[in-house]
Protein backbone atom coordinates (compact mmCIF):
# COMPACT_ATOMS: atom_id res chain seq x y z
CA UNK A 1 0.00 0.00 0.00
CA UNK A 2 1.18 3.55 -0.67
CA UNK A 3 -1.46 6.31 -0.84
CA UNK A 4 -3.61 7.01 2.21
CA UNK A 5 -6.88 8.97 2.37
CA UNK A 6 -7.82 10.48 5.74
CA UNK A 7 -11.25 12.16 6.10
CA UNK A 8 -11.22 15.57 7.73
CA UNK A 9 -13.14 14.48 10.86
CA UNK A 10 -10.58 11.76 11.60
CA UNK A 11 -7.72 14.15 10.89
CA UNK A 12 -9.24 16.55 13.43
CA UNK A 13 -9.25 13.73 16.01
CA UNK A 14 -5.55 13.06 15.39
CA UNK A 15 -4.63 16.72 15.77
CA UNK A 16 -6.78 17.13 18.88
CA UNK A 17 -5.10 14.14 20.54
CA UNK A 18 -1.64 15.42 19.55
CA UNK A 19 -2.33 18.85 21.08
CA UNK A 20 -3.87 17.39 24.23
CA UNK A 21 -0.91 15.03 24.78
CA UNK A 22 1.83 17.62 24.09
CA UNK A 23 4.63 17.77 25.05
CA UNK A 24 4.32 13.95 25.20
CA UNK A 25 4.07 12.10 21.87
CA UNK A 26 0.56 10.87 21.09
CA UNK A 27 -0.03 7.64 19.17
CA UNK A 28 -2.78 5.52 17.66
CA UNK A 29 -3.90 3.17 14.91
CA UNK A 30 -5.78 4.05 11.71
CA UNK A 31 -7.96 1.35 10.13
CA UNK A 32 -10.13 1.07 7.06
CA UNK A 33 -10.58 -0.66 3.74
CA UNK A 34 -8.41 -0.31 0.66
CA UNK A 35 -6.59 3.00 1.04
CA UNK A 36 -9.30 4.94 2.87
CA UNK A 37 -9.17 5.44 6.63
CA UNK A 38 -12.51 4.80 8.34
CA UNK A 39 -11.61 4.47 12.02
CA UNK A 40 -9.12 6.02 14.44
CA UNK A 41 -8.10 4.22 17.62
CA UNK A 42 -6.17 6.49 20.02
CA UNK A 43 -3.64 4.56 22.11
CA UNK A 44 -1.76 5.23 25.33
CA UNK A 45 1.94 6.04 25.02
CA UNK A 46 3.33 3.95 27.88
CA UNK A 47 6.77 5.56 27.41
CA UNK A 48 5.24 8.93 28.37
CA UNK A 49 8.07 10.50 26.36
CA UNK A 50 8.35 13.64 24.19
CA UNK A 51 10.52 11.89 21.59
CA UNK A 52 9.38 8.27 21.28
CA UNK A 53 6.35 6.08 21.95
CA UNK A 54 5.33 2.51 22.75
CA UNK A 55 1.77 1.19 22.64
CA UNK A 56 0.50 -0.96 25.50
CA UNK A 57 0.42 -4.55 24.09
CA UNK A 58 -2.94 -5.65 25.55
CA UNK A 59 -4.60 -2.47 24.32
CA UNK A 60 -3.01 -2.95 20.90
CA UNK A 61 -4.18 -6.57 20.61
CA UNK A 62 -7.72 -5.54 21.60
CA UNK A 63 -7.76 -2.88 18.88
CA UNK A 64 -6.46 -5.31 16.25
CA UNK A 65 -9.29 -7.68 17.20
CA UNK A 66 -11.86 -4.89 16.78
CA UNK A 67 -10.41 -4.02 13.38
CA UNK A 68 -10.70 -7.62 12.18
CA UNK A 69 -14.24 -7.96 13.51
CA UNK A 70 -15.20 -4.84 11.56
CA UNK A 71 -13.82 -6.35 8.36
CA UNK A 72 -11.15 -3.65 8.20
CA UNK A 73 -7.36 -3.62 7.95
CA UNK A 74 -4.74 -1.76 9.90
CA UNK A 75 -3.70 0.91 7.39
CA UNK A 76 -1.45 3.16 9.45
CA UNK A 77 0.28 3.72 12.76
CA UNK A 78 0.12 7.34 13.84
CA UNK A 79 2.16 9.36 16.30
CA UNK A 80 2.86 13.02 16.91
CA UNK A 81 6.03 15.09 16.98
CA UNK A 82 5.25 17.90 19.45
CA UNK A 83 8.43 19.85 18.80
CA UNK A 84 10.12 18.30 15.76
CA UNK A 85 9.36 18.14 12.00
CA UNK A 86 7.04 15.57 10.40
CA UNK A 87 9.76 13.13 9.39
CA UNK A 88 10.80 9.84 11.02
CA UNK A 89 13.56 10.09 13.60
CA UNK A 90 16.30 7.49 13.89
CA UNK A 91 14.34 6.06 16.81
CA UNK A 92 11.11 5.98 14.75
CA UNK A 93 12.84 4.01 12.00
CA UNK A 94 14.44 1.61 14.46
CA UNK A 95 11.11 0.85 16.13
CA UNK A 96 9.06 0.56 12.89
CA UNK A 97 8.42 -3.17 13.13
CA UNK A 98 5.02 -3.49 11.44
CA UNK A 99 5.40 -4.15 7.68
CA UNK A 100 2.97 -2.96 5.04
CA UNK A 101 1.48 -0.03 6.96
CA UNK A 102 1.91 3.71 6.55
CA UNK A 103 3.52 5.57 9.44
CA UNK A 104 1.63 8.85 9.81
CA UNK A 105 3.35 11.76 11.58
CA UNK A 106 1.59 14.87 12.87
CA UNK A 107 4.04 17.67 13.68
CA UNK A 108 3.07 20.59 15.93
CA UNK A 109 6.52 22.17 15.65
CA UNK A 110 5.53 25.09 13.45
CA UNK A 111 3.15 26.50 16.03
CA UNK A 112 0.65 27.20 13.25
CA UNK A 113 -1.18 24.58 11.20
CA UNK A 114 -0.14 20.98 12.01
CA UNK A 115 1.90 19.24 9.32
CA UNK A 116 0.78 15.71 8.39
CA UNK A 117 2.94 13.31 6.38
CA UNK A 118 3.04 9.57 5.72
CA UNK A 119 5.98 7.20 5.28
CA UNK A 120 6.63 3.60 4.40
CA UNK A 121 9.47 2.34 6.58
CA UNK A 122 11.17 -0.87 5.53
CA UNK A 123 14.69 -2.25 5.90
CA UNK A 124 15.82 0.79 7.84
CA UNK A 125 14.75 3.28 5.16
CA UNK A 126 11.82 5.73 5.12
CA UNK A 127 10.02 6.73 1.92
CA UNK A 128 7.38 9.45 1.93
CA UNK A 129 4.02 8.48 0.44
CA UNK A 130 1.00 10.66 -0.46
CA UNK A 131 -1.47 11.35 2.34
CA UNK A 132 -4.66 12.99 1.10
CA UNK A 133 -6.59 15.05 3.60
CA UNK A 134 -10.14 16.45 3.80
CA UNK A 135 -13.61 15.15 3.02
CA UNK A 136 -12.68 14.27 -0.58
CA UNK A 137 -11.99 10.83 0.81
CA UNK A 138 -15.66 10.48 1.68
CA UNK A 139 -16.65 10.36 -1.99
CA UNK A 140 -13.55 9.43 -3.93
CA UNK A 141 -14.06 5.69 -3.75
CA UNK A 142 -16.78 3.23 -2.99
CA UNK A 143 -16.71 1.31 0.31
CA UNK A 144 -17.36 -2.38 -0.25
CA UNK A 145 -19.95 -3.94 2.08
CA UNK A 146 -19.03 -6.93 4.23
CA UNK A 147 -21.27 -9.19 2.10
CA UNK A 148 -19.09 -8.58 -0.98
CA UNK A 149 -15.95 -9.27 1.07
CA UNK A 150 -17.43 -12.62 2.14
CA UNK A 151 -18.39 -13.45 -1.45
CA UNK A 152 -14.79 -12.90 -2.54
CA UNK A 153 -13.38 -15.04 0.27
CA UNK A 154 -15.77 -17.86 -0.67
CA UNK A 155 -14.80 -17.73 -4.33
CA UNK A 156 -11.51 -19.64 -4.01
CA UNK A 157 -13.07 -22.86 -2.65
CA UNK A 158 -15.66 -22.74 -5.45
CA UNK A 159 -12.86 -22.61 -8.03
CA UNK A 160 -11.18 -25.57 -6.32
CA UNK A 161 -14.45 -27.52 -6.51
CA UNK A 162 -14.68 -26.78 -10.24
CA UNK A 163 -11.06 -27.77 -10.92
CA UNK A 164 -11.50 -31.05 -8.99
CA UNK A 165 -14.62 -31.95 -10.95
CA UNK A 166 -17.01 -31.60 -8.02
CA UNK A 167 -18.79 -28.73 -9.80
CA UNK A 168 -19.82 -28.95 -13.44
CA UNK A 169 -18.74 -26.37 -16.01
CA UNK A 170 -22.36 -25.26 -16.45
CA UNK A 171 -22.95 -24.79 -12.73
CA UNK A 172 -19.64 -23.01 -12.28
CA UNK A 173 -20.37 -20.65 -15.18
CA UNK A 174 -23.65 -19.62 -13.53
CA UNK A 175 -21.66 -18.79 -10.39
CA UNK A 176 -18.55 -17.11 -11.83
CA UNK A 177 -20.20 -14.76 -14.36
CA UNK A 178 -22.06 -12.73 -11.67
CA UNK A 179 -18.67 -12.57 -9.92
CA UNK A 180 -17.40 -10.70 -12.99
CA UNK A 181 -15.36 -13.61 -14.44
CA UNK A 182 -15.86 -14.25 -18.17
CA UNK A 183 -14.34 -17.01 -20.29
CA UNK A 184 -12.40 -15.73 -23.30
CA UNK A 185 -12.21 -17.22 -26.78
CA UNK A 186 -8.84 -18.74 -25.92
CA UNK A 187 -9.58 -21.98 -24.10
CA UNK A 188 -8.77 -21.86 -20.40
CA UNK A 189 -8.25 -18.07 -20.27
CA UNK A 190 -10.55 -15.67 -18.47
CA UNK A 191 -11.32 -11.96 -18.11
CA UNK A 192 -11.94 -10.22 -14.77
CA UNK A 193 -14.15 -7.13 -14.98
CA UNK A 194 -13.42 -4.70 -12.14
CA UNK A 195 -16.14 -2.27 -11.09
CA UNK A 196 -15.05 1.37 -10.73
CA UNK A 197 -18.09 3.19 -9.32
CA UNK A 198 -18.69 6.53 -11.08
CA UNK A 199 -15.36 5.98 -12.84
CA UNK A 200 -13.55 7.19 -9.71
CA UNK A 201 -10.46 5.16 -8.90
CA UNK A 202 -7.85 6.16 -6.36
CA UNK A 203 -4.22 6.17 -7.54
CA UNK A 204 -3.23 3.20 -5.39
CA UNK A 205 -6.29 1.26 -6.57
CA UNK A 206 -5.33 1.79 -10.22
CA UNK A 207 -1.77 0.75 -9.48
CA UNK A 208 -3.13 -2.41 -7.86
CA UNK A 209 -5.19 -3.26 -10.95
CA UNK A 210 -2.13 -2.73 -13.15
CA UNK A 211 0.02 -4.89 -10.87
CA UNK A 212 -2.54 -7.72 -10.85
CA UNK A 213 -2.77 -7.56 -14.64
CA UNK A 214 1.00 -7.94 -14.93
CA UNK A 215 1.10 -10.68 -12.30
CA UNK A 216 -1.82 -12.80 -13.47
CA UNK A 217 -2.88 -11.53 -16.90
CA UNK A 218 -1.34 -10.23 -20.11
CA UNK A 219 -0.45 -6.82 -18.64
CA UNK A 220 -2.93 -4.95 -20.86
CA UNK A 221 -5.93 -3.27 -19.25
CA UNK A 222 -9.17 -2.50 -21.06
CA UNK A 223 -11.22 0.49 -19.83
CA UNK A 224 -14.84 -0.01 -20.84
CA UNK A 225 -17.48 2.54 -21.83
CA UNK A 226 -19.23 1.79 -18.53
CA UNK A 227 -16.18 2.71 -16.46
CA UNK A 228 -15.10 -0.83 -15.62
CA UNK A 229 -11.52 -2.01 -16.02
CA UNK A 230 -10.93 -5.47 -17.48
CA UNK A 231 -7.97 -7.75 -16.77
CA UNK A 232 -7.47 -10.25 -19.59
CA UNK A 233 -5.83 -13.62 -20.17
CA UNK A 234 -6.08 -14.93 -16.59
CA UNK A 235 -5.96 -18.66 -15.80
CA UNK A 236 -9.02 -19.79 -13.83
CA UNK A 237 -6.84 -21.03 -10.97
CA UNK A 238 -5.38 -17.51 -10.69
CA UNK A 239 -8.72 -15.70 -10.52
CA UNK A 240 -8.99 -16.05 -6.70
CA UNK A 241 -5.65 -14.28 -6.38
CA UNK A 242 -6.93 -11.45 -8.57
CA UNK A 243 -10.16 -11.05 -6.61
CA UNK A 244 -8.40 -11.12 -3.25
CA UNK A 245 -5.81 -8.61 -4.48
CA UNK A 246 -8.60 -6.31 -5.62
CA UNK A 247 -10.32 -6.68 -2.26
CA UNK A 248 -7.19 -5.50 -0.46
CA UNK A 249 -7.41 -2.28 -2.49
CA UNK A 250 -11.14 -1.81 -1.83
CA UNK A 251 -12.18 -3.03 -5.30
CA UNK A 252 -14.29 -5.93 -6.55
CA UNK A 253 -15.58 -7.58 -9.70
CA UNK A 254 -18.79 -8.73 -7.94
CA UNK A 255 -21.72 -7.88 -10.19
CA UNK A 256 -19.43 -7.30 -13.16
CA UNK A 257 -21.43 -9.70 -15.32
CA UNK A 258 -24.61 -11.74 -15.55
CA UNK A 259 -28.09 -10.68 -14.53
CA UNK A 260 -26.98 -8.25 -11.85
CA UNK A 261 -26.93 -4.55 -11.05
CA UNK A 262 -23.86 -3.62 -13.07
CA UNK A 263 -21.30 -0.92 -12.36
CA UNK A 264 -22.97 2.46 -11.87
CA UNK A 265 -21.34 5.02 -14.12
CA UNK A 266 -21.40 8.82 -14.05
CA UNK A 267 -20.61 11.78 -16.27
CA UNK A 268 -17.29 13.63 -16.13
CA UNK A 269 -17.97 15.15 -12.73
CA UNK A 270 -15.87 18.22 -12.11
CA UNK A 271 -14.72 18.14 -15.74
CA UNK A 272 -17.88 18.60 -17.82
CA UNK A 273 -18.16 22.39 -18.42
CA UNK A 274 -21.97 22.38 -18.47
CA UNK A 275 -22.70 20.16 -15.45
CA UNK A 276 -25.34 21.44 -13.03
CA UNK A 277 -23.75 19.69 -10.04
CA UNK A 278 -21.37 16.83 -9.26
CA UNK A 279 -23.31 13.57 -9.58
CA UNK A 280 -20.41 11.25 -8.61
CA UNK A 281 -21.25 11.12 -4.86
CA UNK A 282 -24.81 10.02 -5.72
CA UNK A 283 -23.61 7.30 -8.08
CA UNK A 284 -21.19 5.98 -5.46
CA UNK A 285 -23.84 6.11 -2.71
CA UNK A 286 -26.32 4.16 -4.84
CA UNK A 287 -23.65 1.58 -5.72
CA UNK A 288 -22.83 1.10 -2.04
CA UNK A 289 -26.52 0.70 -1.22
CA UNK A 290 -27.25 -1.85 -3.95
CA UNK A 291 -24.08 -3.89 -3.45
CA UNK A 292 -25.09 -4.76 0.11
CA UNK A 293 -28.31 -6.41 -1.05
CA UNK A 294 -27.97 -9.99 -2.29
CA UNK A 295 -31.02 -9.54 -4.54
CA UNK A 296 -28.93 -7.20 -6.73
CA UNK A 297 -27.11 -10.28 -8.05
CA UNK A 298 -30.16 -12.38 -8.89
CA UNK A 299 -32.20 -10.34 -11.35
CA UNK A 300 -34.19 -11.55 -14.39
CA UNK A 301 -31.93 -9.40 -16.59
CA UNK A 302 -28.89 -7.19 -16.18
CA UNK A 303 -29.63 -3.69 -14.87
CA UNK A 304 -27.42 -0.77 -15.90
CA UNK A 305 -27.61 2.62 -14.19
CA UNK A 306 -25.86 5.87 -15.13
CA UNK A 307 -25.85 9.44 -13.81
CA UNK A 308 -25.55 12.60 -15.90
CA UNK A 309 -25.04 16.07 -14.49
CA UNK A 310 -25.72 18.10 -17.64
CA UNK A 311 -28.40 18.65 -20.26
CA UNK A 312 -26.15 17.06 -22.90
CA UNK A 313 -26.34 13.72 -21.05
CA UNK A 314 -22.63 13.10 -21.38
CA UNK A 315 -23.02 10.27 -18.86
CA UNK A 316 -25.46 8.59 -21.28
CA UNK A 317 -28.06 8.03 -18.54
CA UNK A 318 -30.81 7.95 -21.14
CA UNK A 319 -29.32 4.89 -22.85
CA UNK A 320 -27.68 3.16 -19.85
């Protein structure tokens, strides 16, 4: 993971804790799905020090349990620098023992607006990564419901059953197509259609799709007219790896095919010069609502929805 999106209300909580704890370093854990922070867990700094921190182990384990129960991931470890810049100290780097998370620093040293930065720390080296702040994060990307997460986790065993002959090709086709997995003309090769609600994909999500295409497919991505992204030339035994990799980035192919509610597209929000208002948040909200209902995947025919924000209908809502 690289990019991190922190909503403004959670950012305010971080800053408030940092100011309240000063001159002692404050610390906590940020959790969410994909690259978007959804929850902040303030932690006690048992070192009670102005230049380093240690979380209390029992409290930390309890928080990790809560995160898992919520279907979230630990995305970042946060701490403050009351009187030093927002960059990892030698001590910070030495004590960065959790791989794959962003280390978020909030510096109060300027005395004016707090400075917030994020770093990946691995093998004794720190690399700054983008941290996006404000309520943009609330609408930039869809939040997958827990039901879709469970569907993805159950997909692998269904593929195993097909490969072992326990499930027929006909029965498996009826299952995999609503999961967004299509067979290609080349025997044994498949396409994975990734839903991008309102055509809004975060940078790290798009990098994940590209990486999965290189790892499991032919490395060429196809962007569709309905704002999906297709990964081609995937072996069926590799499709669980693709779906689980997408899930880690907050993406899914669920409902990418078959008689389902398909990806909900939107006009060029913020780009179209004649738009009346930005329709993207409404498209994303509707997608989140429909994805949580199992009935959306068992329709008599496919159902395509689009939003347009202008009189020219550049989102093609009238022919969706």
